[in-house]
Amino acid sequence: MPKADLAAQGYDLSLKRIPIEYLAAVLRMRSMADTISGTAQPQITRQNLQHVTLPIPPILSQREFARRVTAVEALKTAQRAALAEPEALFATLQHRAFRGEL
């Protein structure tokens, strides 16, 4: 399909405009084994990355995906904080119990 047709359908063909959250998620889901070279010190080179193909949906879909990823990450952060609080309280209680303060 010609680039003009893709652009008319809402596809953004400039990698500079891809939301970083979308790009990071796609790269995490894709196995990068075929792009890593070297054995003693594995590396990903620009030359190897030039052969990587990524799904590039319309920019609105990318932005919606990025928005959802951001929301999920915020929920995960809140959940971690909520889990840390009872653990800290238990540690304090345990410390006081072993010191004979209870």
Foldseek 3Di string as FASTA:
>chain_A
DDPVVCVVVQFDPDPVLQPPQLVVVQVVVDDCVQQWDDDVDIDGDPVSVVPDDTDGDGRVVRVVVSVVSVVVVVVVVVVVVVVVVVVVVVVVVVVCVVVVND
